[in-house]
Amino acid sequence: MNFFRDPLVRRFISATIFAAAFIWVAVVYFDVETDVMGVLFIYSVGLVLLMVLAALVLFPFIGLFRKKRSSLLEGIKNIDKNGEEENRPPRAGDE
């Protein structure tokens, strides 16, 4: 049951329950037609798909304008006295 302990799964389940409750309340208490809710669902799915597509298209362009980050190990590799690479942070007196 570790599957339900994941916060993303819990949020997805609670969002699904609240969305179903919203649709149920709209249809039962406010006399909204089921066809209207179907159209709302289709447009909502379409909007989410368009947003995902826009993110996939814009991601490479945003990556070009972001600051290039150095790799994690760059700058901490030093050469020890025997000429071999040693992974340690540089000390204050190293040149």
Protein backbone atom coordinates (compact mmCIF):
# COMPACT_ATOMS: atom_id res chain seq x y z
CA MET A 1 0.00 0.00 0.00
CA ASN A 2 2.98 2.34 -0.41
CA PHE A 3 1.37 3.39 -3.68
CA PHE A 4 -1.23 5.48 -1.82
CA ARG A 5 1.41 7.15 0.38
CA ASP A 6 2.88 8.99 -2.57
CA PRO A 7 1.71 12.64 -2.41
CA LEU A 8 1.17 12.84 -6.18
CA VAL A 9 -1.14 9.83 -6.13
CA ARG A 10 -3.09 11.23 -3.20
CA ARG A 11 -3.48 14.58 -4.94
CA PHE A 12 -4.63 12.88 -8.14
CA ILE A 13 -7.21 10.80 -6.27
CA SER A 14 -8.53 13.76 -4.29
CA ALA A 15 -8.71 15.94 -7.42
CA THR A 16 -10.66 13.20 -9.21
CA ILE A 17 -13.10 12.88 -6.32
CA PHE A 18 -13.64 16.66 -6.12
CA ALA A 19 -14.14 16.90 -9.90
CA ALA A 20 -16.70 14.09 -9.81
CA ALA A 21 -18.48 15.79 -6.90
CA PHE A 22 -18.53 19.09 -8.83
CA ILE A 23 -20.13 17.41 -11.84
CA TRP A 24 -22.63 15.55 -9.67
CA VAL A 25 -23.68 18.71 -7.82
CA ALA A 26 -23.97 20.67 -11.08
CA VAL A 27 -26.17 18.03 -12.71
CA VAL A 28 -28.37 17.20 -9.72
CA TYR A 29 -28.85 20.53 -7.92
CA PHE A 30 -28.38 23.15 -10.65
CA ASP A 31 -30.11 21.29 -13.51
CA VAL A 32 -27.10 21.47 -15.80
CA GLU A 33 -27.51 19.13 -18.74
CA THR A 34 -25.18 16.18 -19.01
CA ASP A 35 -24.26 17.22 -22.55
CA VAL A 36 -22.92 20.53 -21.24
CA MET A 37 -20.73 18.70 -18.74
CA GLY A 38 -19.47 16.42 -21.54
CA VAL A 39 -18.48 19.44 -23.61
CA LEU A 40 -16.76 20.96 -20.55
CA PHE A 41 -14.83 17.70 -20.09
CA ILE A 42 -13.77 17.56 -23.74
CA TYR A 43 -12.63 21.19 -23.74
CA SER A 44 -10.76 20.69 -20.47
CA VAL A 45 -8.88 17.70 -21.88
CA GLY A 46 -8.13 19.69 -25.04
CA LEU A 47 -6.80 22.62 -23.00
CA VAL A 48 -4.50 20.36 -21.00
CA LEU A 49 -3.20 18.71 -24.17
CA LEU A 50 -2.54 22.12 -25.77
CA MET A 51 -0.64 23.24 -22.67
CA VAL A 52 1.49 20.07 -22.73
CA LEU A 53 2.20 20.58 -26.43
CA ALA A 54 3.12 24.24 -25.87
CA ALA A 55 5.49 23.22 -23.06
CA LEU A 56 7.17 20.62 -25.26
CA VAL A 57 7.62 23.16 -28.07
CA LEU A 58 8.85 26.00 -25.84
CA PHE A 59 11.18 23.92 -23.64
CA PRO A 60 14.16 23.96 -26.05
CA PHE A 61 13.87 27.72 -26.56
CA ILE A 62 13.74 28.40 -22.83
CA GLY A 63 16.82 26.20 -22.38
CA LEU A 64 18.75 28.43 -24.80
CA PHE A 65 18.13 31.55 -22.73
CA ARG A 66 18.82 30.04 -19.32
CA LYS A 67 22.22 30.38 -17.76
CA LYS A 68 24.45 27.41 -18.50
CA ARG A 69 25.16 25.55 -15.29
CA SER A 70 28.48 23.88 -14.76
CA SER A 71 28.55 20.19 -14.05
CA LEU A 72 28.59 19.03 -10.47
CA LEU A 73 32.09 17.55 -10.54
CA GLU A 74 33.66 20.36 -12.54
CA GLY A 75 35.95 22.40 -10.35
CA ILE A 76 36.43 19.79 -7.63
CA LYS A 77 38.82 17.52 -9.53
CA ASN A 78 42.39 18.25 -8.65
CA ILE A 79 45.68 16.59 -9.45
CA ASP A 80 47.46 15.08 -6.48
CA LYS A 81 51.26 14.90 -6.07
CA ASN A 82 51.58 11.67 -8.11
CA GLY A 83 49.86 13.20 -11.13
CA GLU A 84 46.60 11.29 -10.64
CA GLU A 85 43.23 12.92 -10.40
CA GLU A 86 41.92 13.25 -6.92
CA ASN A 87 38.31 14.14 -6.15
CA ARG A 88 38.46 16.67 -3.36
CA PRO A 89 37.45 20.31 -3.05
CA PRO A 90 40.28 22.79 -3.61
CA ARG A 91 41.89 24.13 -0.46
CA ALA A 92 42.66 27.77 0.22
CA GLY A 93 46.40 27.39 -0.44
CA ASP A 94 46.10 25.38 -3.70
CA GLU A 95 47.26 27.06 -6.88
